[in-house]
Amino acid sequence: MQNTIENKTIQKEDWSGKKLGSFEISDCTFNGCDFTETDFSGTKFIDCIFDGCNFSNSKILNCSFCDVTFKECKISGVVFGEINKFLLSWKFYDCAIDLCSFSMLDIKNSEFIACEIYETDFVNTDLSESNFSQSDLRGSKFQDTNLSKANFVGAINYFIDPTANKITKARFSSPEVLALLAGFDITIE
């Protein structure tokens, strides 16, 4: 039997270290909640907003995210490749995302707007038509990734090897676009 939480606003609750189990959570807003090391395995989030929440080392095995928005959240050490990929859709705004993995996911049309995305893996990921505008991607890894029609306008500190990723019709801004040449061992004057 699946537990349900719906149509609630939850303020500053500490769920750290808890095992949630098989919940379906819909039309809920979480403000300032701490989910450090929370085990969300099997949980379904539908039409939810997380604002100012901490997801450090959360476990999300077979977790579902359908129309979920993360705003100003700290997301650290989360392996997103373990989620349920069915009906996956999400947006990240002004989030601090570090040491995470989005590898092996089909997450086209995702939005990572004005985020700090540090040391995060996007390996074998479909990010076509995704938006990374105004994000800082320091140390993040893009390999065998589909970035077709992705938006990197205003993004900084990215290293994307055009020979190891698909970047057809992706958008970049100057002078940061010169980072695409870093893998060619050339000098630009």
N, C-alpha and C. Protein backbone atom coordinates (compact mmCIF):
# COMPACT_ATOMS: atom_id res chain seq x y z
N MET A 1 0.84 -1.18 0.00
CA MET A 1 0.00 0.00 0.00
C MET A 1 0.88 1.24 0.00
N GLN A 2 0.55 2.20 -0.88
CA GLN A 2 1.36 3.39 -1.01
C GLN A 2 0.76 4.53 -0.18
N ASN A 3 1.59 5.20 0.61
CA ASN A 3 1.16 6.35 1.39
C ASN A 3 1.11 7.57 0.48
N THR A 4 0.21 8.51 0.77
CA THR A 4 0.03 9.68 -0.06
C THR A 4 0.09 10.96 0.77
N ILE A 5 0.80 11.96 0.22
CA ILE A 5 0.79 13.31 0.77
C ILE A 5 0.43 14.21 -0.40
N GLU A 6 -0.61 15.06 -0.24
CA GLU A 6 -0.97 15.93 -1.35
C GLU A 6 -1.50 17.27 -0.85
N ASN A 7 -1.29 18.27 -1.73
CA ASN A 7 -1.80 19.63 -1.49
C ASN A 7 -1.38 20.19 -0.14
N LYS A 8 -0.10 20.09 0.17
CA LYS A 8 0.41 20.62 1.44
C LYS A 8 1.59 21.55 1.19
N THR A 9 1.77 22.49 2.10
CA THR A 9 2.98 23.30 2.15
C THR A 9 3.69 22.91 3.44
N ILE A 10 4.91 22.45 3.29
CA ILE A 10 5.68 21.96 4.44
C ILE A 10 6.84 22.90 4.66
N GLN A 11 6.92 23.47 5.86
CA GLN A 11 7.91 24.50 6.19
C GLN A 11 8.99 23.96 7.13
N LYS A 12 10.22 24.12 6.75
CA LYS A 12 11.40 23.93 7.60
C LYS A 12 11.38 22.65 8.43
N GLU A 13 10.94 21.56 7.85
CA GLU A 13 10.95 20.29 8.57
C GLU A 13 12.29 19.59 8.35
N ASP A 14 12.73 18.87 9.35
CA ASP A 14 13.97 18.12 9.28
C ASP A 14 13.65 16.65 9.06
N TRP A 15 13.90 16.18 7.84
CA TRP A 15 13.67 14.80 7.48
C TRP A 15 14.98 14.05 7.36
N SER A 16 16.06 14.66 7.79
CA SER A 16 17.39 14.09 7.56
C SER A 16 17.52 12.70 8.17
N GLY A 17 18.11 11.80 7.37
CA GLY A 17 18.36 10.44 7.81
C GLY A 17 17.15 9.53 7.83
N LYS A 18 15.98 10.02 7.46
CA LYS A 18 14.77 9.19 7.49
C LYS A 18 14.64 8.36 6.23
N LYS A 19 13.94 7.24 6.33
CA LYS A 19 13.60 6.41 5.18
C LYS A 19 12.13 6.62 4.92
N LEU A 20 11.84 7.23 3.76
CA LEU A 20 10.47 7.59 3.46
C LEU A 20 9.65 6.40 2.98
N GLY A 21 10.25 5.53 2.19
CA GLY A 21 9.50 4.40 1.67
C GLY A 21 8.70 4.79 0.45
N SER A 22 7.69 4.03 0.15
CA SER A 22 6.91 4.20 -1.08
C SER A 22 5.79 5.21 -0.88
N PHE A 23 6.11 6.49 -1.01
CA PHE A 23 5.13 7.55 -0.91
C PHE A 23 4.81 8.10 -2.29
N GLU A 24 3.61 8.62 -2.47
CA GLU A 24 3.29 9.44 -3.62
C GLU A 24 2.99 10.83 -3.07
N ILE A 25 3.81 11.79 -3.49
CA ILE A 25 3.70 13.16 -2.98
C ILE A 25 3.35 14.05 -4.16
N SER A 26 2.17 14.68 -4.11
CA SER A 26 1.74 15.49 -5.25
C SER A 26 1.23 16.86 -4.80
N ASP A 27 1.48 17.84 -5.69
CA ASP A 27 1.03 19.21 -5.47
C ASP A 27 1.45 19.75 -4.10
N CYS A 28 2.69 19.47 -3.71
CA CYS A 28 3.21 19.94 -2.44
C CYS A 28 4.36 20.93 -2.65
N THR A 29 4.51 21.84 -1.71
CA THR A 29 5.63 22.77 -1.70
C THR A 29 6.41 22.54 -0.40
N PHE A 30 7.71 22.38 -0.55
CA PHE A 30 8.60 22.19 0.60
C PHE A 30 9.50 23.42 0.69
N ASN A 31 9.41 24.15 1.79
CA ASN A 31 10.22 25.35 1.99
C ASN A 31 11.23 25.14 3.11
N GLY A 32 12.52 25.25 2.78
CA GLY A 32 13.57 25.20 3.79
C GLY A 32 13.68 23.88 4.53
N CYS A 33 13.33 22.79 3.90
CA CYS A 33 13.39 21.47 4.55
C CYS A 33 14.77 20.84 4.40
N ASP A 34 15.15 20.04 5.38
CA ASP A 34 16.44 19.35 5.34
C ASP A 34 16.21 17.88 5.05
N PHE A 35 16.72 17.45 3.87
CA PHE A 35 16.60 16.07 3.44
C PHE A 35 17.97 15.39 3.39
N THR A 36 18.90 15.84 4.22
CA THR A 36 20.25 15.27 4.24
C THR A 36 20.16 13.78 4.56
N GLU A 37 20.72 12.97 3.67
CA GLU A 37 20.77 11.51 3.82
C GLU A 37 19.39 10.86 3.95
N THR A 38 18.35 11.55 3.48
CA THR A 38 17.01 10.96 3.47
C THR A 38 16.93 9.92 2.37
N ASP A 39 16.28 8.82 2.65
CA ASP A 39 16.11 7.76 1.65
C ASP A 39 14.71 7.88 1.06
N PHE A 40 14.66 8.40 -0.19
CA PHE A 40 13.41 8.58 -0.91
C PHE A 40 13.11 7.41 -1.84
N SER A 41 13.81 6.32 -1.72
CA SER A 41 13.67 5.19 -2.66
C SER A 41 12.20 4.82 -2.86
N GLY A 42 11.81 4.78 -4.16
CA GLY A 42 10.45 4.39 -4.51
C GLY A 42 9.41 5.49 -4.39
N THR A 43 9.82 6.69 -3.95
CA THR A 43 8.86 7.79 -3.79
C THR A 43 8.57 8.45 -5.13
N LYS A 44 7.31 8.87 -5.33
CA LYS A 44 6.91 9.59 -6.53
C LYS A 44 6.60 11.03 -6.16
N PHE A 45 7.30 11.98 -6.82
CA PHE A 45 7.02 13.40 -6.65
C PHE A 45 6.33 13.89 -7.91
N ILE A 46 5.12 14.44 -7.78
CA ILE A 46 4.35 14.92 -8.91
C ILE A 46 3.92 16.36 -8.63
N ASP A 47 4.28 17.28 -9.54
CA ASP A 47 3.91 18.70 -9.42
C ASP A 47 4.31 19.28 -8.06
N CYS A 48 5.56 19.05 -7.67
CA CYS A 48 6.07 19.55 -6.39
C CYS A 48 7.09 20.65 -6.60
N ILE A 49 7.24 21.50 -5.58
CA ILE A 49 8.24 22.56 -5.57
C ILE A 49 9.08 22.40 -4.31
N PHE A 50 10.39 22.41 -4.50
CA PHE A 50 11.34 22.40 -3.38
C PHE A 50 12.04 23.74 -3.40
N ASP A 51 11.89 24.53 -2.35
CA ASP A 51 12.46 25.87 -2.29
C ASP A 51 13.38 25.97 -1.07
N GLY A 52 14.68 26.16 -1.34
CA GLY A 52 15.64 26.31 -0.25
C GLY A 52 15.87 25.05 0.56
N CYS A 53 15.74 23.90 -0.06
CA CYS A 53 15.90 22.62 0.64
C CYS A 53 17.30 22.06 0.47
N ASN A 54 17.71 21.21 1.40
CA ASN A 54 19.02 20.57 1.37
C ASN A 54 18.85 19.08 1.07
N PHE A 55 19.45 18.65 -0.05
CA PHE A 55 19.39 17.25 -0.47
C PHE A 55 20.76 16.59 -0.41
N SER A 56 21.60 16.94 0.51
CA SER A 56 22.93 16.36 0.59
C SER A 56 22.86 14.87 0.85
N ASN A 57 23.48 14.10 -0.06
CA ASN A 57 23.59 12.64 0.05
C ASN A 57 22.24 11.92 0.18
N SER A 58 21.21 12.49 -0.41
CA SER A 58 19.90 11.82 -0.42
C SER A 58 19.97 10.60 -1.33
N LYS A 59 19.19 9.59 -0.99
CA LYS A 59 19.12 8.38 -1.81
C LYS A 59 17.79 8.42 -2.58
N ILE A 60 17.88 8.20 -3.91
CA ILE A 60 16.68 8.35 -4.74
C ILE A 60 16.48 7.16 -5.68
N LEU A 61 16.85 5.97 -5.25
CA LEU A 61 16.68 4.77 -6.06
C LEU A 61 15.20 4.60 -6.44
N ASN A 62 14.93 4.49 -7.76
CA ASN A 62 13.57 4.33 -8.29
C ASN A 62 12.60 5.43 -7.88
N CYS A 63 13.14 6.59 -7.55
CA CYS A 63 12.32 7.75 -7.22
C CYS A 63 11.83 8.39 -8.52
N SER A 64 10.61 8.91 -8.56
CA SER A 64 10.05 9.55 -9.75
C SER A 64 9.92 11.05 -9.54
N PHE A 65 10.26 11.80 -10.58
CA PHE A 65 10.13 13.26 -10.56
C PHE A 65 9.33 13.67 -11.79
N CYS A 66 8.10 14.09 -11.61
CA CYS A 66 7.24 14.51 -12.72
C CYS A 66 6.79 15.95 -12.47
N ASP A 67 7.27 16.87 -13.30
CA ASP A 67 6.97 18.30 -13.14
C ASP A 67 7.38 18.81 -11.76
N VAL A 68 8.65 18.62 -11.43
CA VAL A 68 9.20 19.03 -10.14
C VAL A 68 10.14 20.21 -10.36
N THR A 69 10.05 21.20 -9.49
CA THR A 69 10.90 22.39 -9.55
C THR A 69 11.73 22.48 -8.27
N PHE A 70 13.05 22.69 -8.48
CA PHE A 70 13.98 22.90 -7.38
C PHE A 70 14.45 24.35 -7.46
N LYS A 71 14.24 25.14 -6.41
CA LYS A 71 14.68 26.53 -6.37
C LYS A 71 15.58 26.75 -5.17
N GLU A 72 16.77 27.29 -5.44
CA GLU A 72 17.73 27.63 -4.39
C GLU A 72 18.00 26.46 -3.45
N CYS A 73 18.06 25.26 -4.00
CA CYS A 73 18.32 24.06 -3.20
C CYS A 73 19.81 23.71 -3.23
N LYS A 74 20.27 23.04 -2.19
CA LYS A 74 21.60 22.46 -2.15
C LYS A 74 21.42 20.97 -2.45
N ILE A 75 22.09 20.52 -3.54
CA ILE A 75 21.96 19.13 -3.95
C ILE A 75 23.38 18.59 -4.10
N SER A 76 23.79 17.74 -3.19
CA SER A 76 25.18 17.29 -3.16
C SER A 76 25.25 15.77 -3.00
N GLY A 77 26.08 15.14 -3.86
CA GLY A 77 26.33 13.71 -3.73
C GLY A 77 25.15 12.83 -4.11
N VAL A 78 24.27 13.31 -4.97
CA VAL A 78 23.08 12.55 -5.35
C VAL A 78 23.32 11.87 -6.70
N VAL A 79 22.99 10.58 -6.78
CA VAL A 79 23.15 9.81 -8.01
C VAL A 79 21.79 9.75 -8.70
N PHE A 80 21.55 10.69 -9.61
CA PHE A 80 20.26 10.78 -10.30
C PHE A 80 20.06 9.64 -11.30
N GLY A 81 21.12 8.99 -11.73
CA GLY A 81 21.01 7.88 -12.67
C GLY A 81 20.22 6.70 -12.14
N GLU A 82 19.93 6.68 -10.85
CA GLU A 82 19.19 5.58 -10.23
C GLU A 82 17.68 5.81 -10.18
N ILE A 83 17.23 6.96 -10.71
CA ILE A 83 15.81 7.28 -10.58
C ILE A 83 14.95 6.52 -11.58
N ASN A 84 13.65 6.57 -11.37
CA ASN A 84 12.69 6.04 -12.34
C ASN A 84 12.59 7.07 -13.46
N LYS A 85 12.87 6.67 -14.67
CA LYS A 85 12.96 7.60 -15.79
C LYS A 85 11.61 7.88 -16.46
N PHE A 86 10.57 7.19 -16.05
CA PHE A 86 9.25 7.33 -16.66
C PHE A 86 8.64 8.69 -16.33
N LEU A 87 8.21 9.44 -17.34
CA LEU A 87 7.58 10.75 -17.21
C LEU A 87 8.45 11.76 -16.47
N LEU A 88 9.76 11.62 -16.58
CA LEU A 88 10.71 12.49 -15.89
C LEU A 88 10.67 13.90 -16.47
N SER A 89 10.42 14.89 -15.62
CA SER A 89 10.51 16.29 -16.01
C SER A 89 10.78 17.13 -14.75
N TRP A 90 11.79 18.02 -14.89
CA TRP A 90 12.17 18.84 -13.73
C TRP A 90 12.84 20.11 -14.18
N LYS A 91 12.98 21.06 -13.23
CA LYS A 91 13.65 22.33 -13.47
C LYS A 91 14.45 22.67 -12.22
N PHE A 92 15.63 23.24 -12.45
CA PHE A 92 16.51 23.66 -11.36
C PHE A 92 16.81 25.15 -11.54
N TYR A 93 16.52 25.96 -10.54
CA TYR A 93 16.78 27.40 -10.59
C TYR A 93 17.63 27.81 -9.38
N ASP A 94 18.75 28.47 -9.66
CA ASP A 94 19.63 29.00 -8.60
C ASP A 94 20.03 27.94 -7.58
N CYS A 95 20.23 26.72 -8.02
CA CYS A 95 20.61 25.63 -7.11
C CYS A 95 22.12 25.46 -7.06
N ALA A 96 22.62 24.95 -5.94
CA ALA A 96 24.02 24.56 -5.78
C ALA A 96 24.06 23.04 -5.92
N ILE A 97 24.52 22.56 -7.08
CA ILE A 97 24.55 21.14 -7.38
C ILE A 97 26.01 20.73 -7.46
N ASP A 98 26.45 19.83 -6.58
CA ASP A 98 27.84 19.42 -6.65
C ASP A 98 28.00 17.93 -6.34
N LEU A 99 29.02 17.36 -6.99
CA LEU A 99 29.37 15.95 -6.80
C LEU A 99 28.18 15.02 -7.07
N CYS A 100 27.37 15.38 -8.06
CA CYS A 100 26.21 14.57 -8.43
C CYS A 100 26.47 13.86 -9.74
N SER A 101 25.60 12.93 -10.08
CA SER A 101 25.68 12.24 -11.37
C SER A 101 24.31 12.22 -12.03
N PHE A 102 24.27 12.78 -13.25
CA PHE A 102 23.10 12.72 -14.11
C PHE A 102 23.37 11.78 -15.27
N SER A 103 24.34 10.91 -15.12
CA SER A 103 24.76 10.02 -16.19
C SER A 103 23.69 9.00 -16.54
N MET A 104 23.68 8.64 -17.86
CA MET A 104 22.80 7.60 -18.38
C MET A 104 21.32 7.98 -18.34
N LEU A 105 21.02 9.29 -18.34
CA LEU A 105 19.63 9.73 -18.30
C LEU A 105 19.22 10.39 -19.61
N ASP A 106 17.95 10.28 -19.93
CA ASP A 106 17.35 11.03 -21.02
C ASP A 106 16.59 12.18 -20.37
N ILE A 107 17.27 13.33 -20.27
CA ILE A 107 16.68 14.48 -19.59
C ILE A 107 16.63 15.69 -20.51
N LYS A 108 16.25 15.45 -21.76
CA LYS A 108 16.15 16.56 -22.70
C LYS A 108 15.12 17.56 -22.19
N ASN A 109 15.32 18.81 -22.60
CA ASN A 109 14.47 19.93 -22.19
C ASN A 109 14.55 20.26 -20.71
N SER A 110 15.58 19.79 -20.03
CA SER A 110 15.74 20.14 -18.61
C SER A 110 16.24 21.58 -18.50
N GLU A 111 15.93 22.22 -17.40
CA GLU A 111 16.40 23.58 -17.16
C GLU A 111 17.28 23.59 -15.91
N PHE A 112 18.49 24.13 -16.11
CA PHE A 112 19.45 24.36 -15.03
C PHE A 112 19.82 25.84 -15.12
N ILE A 113 18.97 26.71 -14.66
CA ILE A 113 19.13 28.15 -14.84
C ILE A 113 19.85 28.76 -13.64
N ALA A 114 20.94 29.49 -13.93
CA ALA A 114 21.70 30.22 -12.90
C ALA A 114 22.12 29.32 -11.73
N CYS A 115 22.49 28.08 -12.04
CA CYS A 115 22.92 27.13 -11.01
C CYS A 115 24.45 27.07 -10.93
N GLU A 116 24.96 26.70 -9.77
CA GLU A 116 26.36 26.33 -9.60
C GLU A 116 26.40 24.82 -9.67
N ILE A 117 26.94 24.28 -10.78
CA ILE A 117 26.96 22.84 -11.00
C ILE A 117 28.42 22.41 -11.02
N TYR A 118 28.94 22.01 -9.86
CA TYR A 118 30.35 21.72 -9.70
C TYR A 118 30.61 20.21 -9.64
N GLU A 119 31.67 19.79 -10.34
CA GLU A 119 32.15 18.39 -10.25
C GLU A 119 31.01 17.39 -10.43
N THR A 120 30.16 17.63 -11.39
CA THR A 120 28.98 16.79 -11.64
C THR A 120 29.11 16.10 -12.99
N ASP A 121 28.70 14.84 -13.06
CA ASP A 121 28.85 14.06 -14.29
C ASP A 121 27.57 14.06 -15.13
N PHE A 122 27.78 14.35 -16.42
CA PHE A 122 26.74 14.22 -17.44
C PHE A 122 27.33 13.31 -18.52
N VAL A 123 27.46 12.04 -18.23
CA VAL A 123 28.08 11.07 -19.15
C VAL A 123 26.98 10.20 -19.75
N ASN A 124 27.03 10.05 -21.09
CA ASN A 124 25.99 9.28 -21.80
C ASN A 124 24.60 9.79 -21.45
N THR A 125 24.45 11.10 -21.49
CA THR A 125 23.20 11.73 -21.11
C THR A 125 22.61 12.46 -22.30
N ASP A 126 21.29 12.40 -22.46
CA ASP A 126 20.64 13.18 -23.49
C ASP A 126 20.14 14.48 -22.86
N LEU A 127 20.86 15.56 -23.15
CA LEU A 127 20.51 16.89 -22.66
C LEU A 127 20.08 17.81 -23.80
N SER A 128 19.63 17.21 -24.90
CA SER A 128 19.24 18.02 -26.04
C SER A 128 18.14 19.00 -25.63
N GLU A 129 18.27 20.23 -26.17
CA GLU A 129 17.32 21.30 -25.91
C GLU A 129 17.24 21.70 -24.43
N SER A 130 18.24 21.34 -23.64
CA SER A 130 18.27 21.75 -22.24
C SER A 130 18.85 23.15 -22.12
N ASN A 131 18.61 23.78 -20.98
CA ASN A 131 19.02 25.16 -20.78
C ASN A 131 19.94 25.26 -19.56
N PHE A 132 21.20 25.65 -19.82
CA PHE A 132 22.19 25.86 -18.76
C PHE A 132 22.53 27.34 -18.64
N SER A 133 21.69 28.24 -19.12
CA SER A 133 22.03 29.65 -19.16
C SER A 133 22.36 30.19 -17.76
N GLN A 134 23.40 31.01 -17.75
CA GLN A 134 23.89 31.69 -16.53
C GLN A 134 24.42 30.73 -15.46
N SER A 135 24.65 29.47 -15.80
CA SER A 135 25.15 28.50 -14.82
C SER A 135 26.67 28.43 -14.83
N ASP A 136 27.24 28.10 -13.69
CA ASP A 136 28.68 27.87 -13.54
C ASP A 136 28.89 26.36 -13.48
N LEU A 137 29.62 25.81 -14.45
CA LEU A 137 29.77 24.36 -14.60
C LEU A 137 31.18 23.89 -14.25
N ARG A 138 31.81 24.54 -13.31
CA ARG A 138 33.21 24.24 -12.95
C ARG A 138 33.40 22.76 -12.60
N GLY A 139 34.29 22.12 -13.34
CA GLY A 139 34.68 20.74 -13.05
C GLY A 139 33.66 19.69 -13.47
N SER A 140 32.57 20.10 -14.10
CA SER A 140 31.56 19.12 -14.52
C SER A 140 32.00 18.42 -15.80
N LYS A 141 31.60 17.17 -15.94
CA LYS A 141 32.08 16.32 -17.03
C LYS A 141 30.96 16.02 -18.01
N PHE A 142 31.21 16.39 -19.28
CA PHE A 142 30.31 16.06 -20.38
C PHE A 142 31.05 15.09 -21.29
N GLN A 143 30.55 13.87 -21.43
CA GLN A 143 31.19 12.88 -22.28
C GLN A 143 30.11 12.00 -22.90
N ASP A 144 30.21 11.81 -24.24
CA ASP A 144 29.20 11.05 -24.97
C ASP A 144 27.80 11.56 -24.66
N THR A 145 27.68 12.88 -24.62
CA THR A 145 26.44 13.54 -24.22
C THR A 145 25.82 14.25 -25.42
N ASN A 146 24.52 14.16 -25.54
CA ASN A 146 23.81 14.87 -26.59
C ASN A 146 23.42 16.25 -26.07
N LEU A 147 24.09 17.27 -26.60
CA LEU A 147 23.83 18.65 -26.22
C LEU A 147 23.23 19.44 -27.39
N SER A 148 22.65 18.74 -28.35
CA SER A 148 22.05 19.41 -29.50
C SER A 148 21.00 20.42 -29.05
N LYS A 149 21.11 21.62 -29.59
CA LYS A 149 20.17 22.71 -29.32
C LYS A 149 20.15 23.12 -27.85
N ALA A 150 21.16 22.72 -27.07
CA ALA A 150 21.24 23.15 -25.66
C ALA A 150 21.65 24.63 -25.61
N ASN A 151 21.27 25.30 -24.55
CA ASN A 151 21.57 26.72 -24.37
C ASN A 151 22.61 26.89 -23.27
N PHE A 152 23.80 27.37 -23.66
CA PHE A 152 24.86 27.68 -22.70
C PHE A 152 25.15 29.18 -22.68
N VAL A 153 24.23 30.01 -23.14
CA VAL A 153 24.45 31.45 -23.17
C VAL A 153 24.59 31.96 -21.73
N GLY A 154 25.69 32.63 -21.48
CA GLY A 154 25.96 33.15 -20.14
C GLY A 154 26.54 32.12 -19.19
N ALA A 155 26.65 30.87 -19.61
CA ALA A 155 27.26 29.83 -18.75
C ALA A 155 28.78 30.03 -18.74
N ILE A 156 29.40 29.61 -17.66
CA ILE A 156 30.85 29.77 -17.53
C ILE A 156 31.49 28.48 -17.01
N ASN A 157 32.80 28.42 -17.15
CA ASN A 157 33.64 27.35 -16.58
C ASN A 157 33.28 25.95 -17.06
N TYR A 158 32.78 25.84 -18.28
CA TYR A 158 32.48 24.51 -18.81
C TYR A 158 33.64 24.03 -19.67
N PHE A 159 33.81 22.72 -19.71
CA PHE A 159 34.73 22.08 -20.65
C PHE A 159 33.92 21.03 -21.38
N ILE A 160 33.69 21.29 -22.66
CA ILE A 160 32.91 20.37 -23.49
C ILE A 160 33.75 20.07 -24.71
N ASP A 161 34.15 18.82 -24.87
CA ASP A 161 34.93 18.41 -26.02
C ASP A 161 33.97 18.15 -27.18
N PRO A 162 34.03 18.99 -28.26
CA PRO A 162 33.11 18.80 -29.37
C PRO A 162 33.32 17.49 -30.13
N THR A 163 34.45 16.84 -29.93
CA THR A 163 34.68 15.55 -30.59
C THR A 163 34.12 14.38 -29.79
N ALA A 164 33.78 14.62 -28.51
CA ALA A 164 33.27 13.55 -27.65
C ALA A 164 31.81 13.76 -27.24
N ASN A 165 31.19 14.82 -27.78
CA ASN A 165 29.82 15.16 -27.45
C ASN A 165 29.13 15.68 -28.71
N LYS A 166 27.83 15.57 -28.74
CA LYS A 166 27.08 16.11 -29.87
C LYS A 166 26.60 17.51 -29.50
N ILE A 167 27.08 18.53 -30.23
CA ILE A 167 26.74 19.92 -29.88
C ILE A 167 26.05 20.66 -31.03
N THR A 168 25.49 19.94 -31.98
CA THR A 168 24.84 20.54 -33.14
C THR A 168 23.77 21.56 -32.70
N LYS A 169 23.90 22.76 -33.22
CA LYS A 169 22.96 23.86 -32.99
C LYS A 169 22.84 24.27 -31.52
N ALA A 170 23.81 23.89 -30.69
CA ALA A 170 23.84 24.39 -29.31
C ALA A 170 24.21 25.87 -29.34
N ARG A 171 23.79 26.60 -28.33
CA ARG A 171 24.05 28.05 -28.26
C ARG A 171 25.04 28.34 -27.15
N PHE A 172 26.06 29.15 -27.50
CA PHE A 172 27.09 29.55 -26.55
C PHE A 172 27.29 31.06 -26.66
N SER A 173 27.87 31.66 -25.64
CA SER A 173 28.18 33.09 -25.72
C SER A 173 29.69 33.29 -25.72
N SER A 174 30.09 34.42 -26.25
CA SER A 174 31.50 34.78 -26.32
C SER A 174 31.86 35.56 -25.06
N PRO A 175 33.03 35.42 -24.51
CA PRO A 175 34.19 34.66 -24.98
C PRO A 175 34.24 33.22 -24.46
N GLU A 176 33.26 32.82 -23.64
CA GLU A 176 33.30 31.49 -23.04
C GLU A 176 33.30 30.36 -24.07
N VAL A 177 32.76 30.62 -25.28
CA VAL A 177 32.71 29.60 -26.32
C VAL A 177 34.11 29.10 -26.70
N LEU A 178 35.12 29.91 -26.43
CA LEU A 178 36.50 29.48 -26.74
C LEU A 178 36.90 28.25 -25.93
N ALA A 179 36.21 27.96 -24.84
CA ALA A 179 36.49 26.76 -24.06
C ALA A 179 36.28 25.49 -24.88
N LEU A 180 35.48 25.57 -25.94
CA LEU A 180 35.27 24.40 -26.81
C LEU A 180 36.56 23.99 -27.52
N LEU A 181 37.52 24.90 -27.59
CA LEU A 181 38.79 24.60 -28.27
C LEU A 181 39.85 24.06 -27.33
N ALA A 182 39.57 24.00 -26.04
CA ALA A 182 40.58 23.60 -25.04
C ALA A 182 41.16 22.21 -25.30
N GLY A 183 40.39 21.30 -25.81
CA GLY A 183 40.87 19.94 -26.04
C GLY A 183 41.77 19.78 -27.25
N PHE A 184 41.94 20.85 -28.03
CA PHE A 184 42.74 20.76 -29.26
C PHE A 184 44.19 21.17 -29.08
N ASP A 185 44.59 21.56 -27.87
CA ASP A 185 45.98 21.94 -27.58
C ASP A 185 46.49 22.97 -28.59
N ILE A 186 45.73 24.05 -28.75
CA ILE A 186 46.13 25.13 -29.66
C ILE A 186 46.28 26.42 -28.86
N THR A 187 46.92 27.40 -29.45
CA THR A 187 47.09 28.71 -28.83
C THR A 187 46.24 29.71 -29.56
N ILE A 188 45.44 30.46 -28.83
CA ILE A 188 44.60 31.49 -29.41
C ILE A 188 45.17 32.84 -28.97
N GLU A 189 45.41 33.69 -29.97
CA GLU A 189 45.98 35.02 -29.65
C GLU A 189 45.04 36.12 -30.03
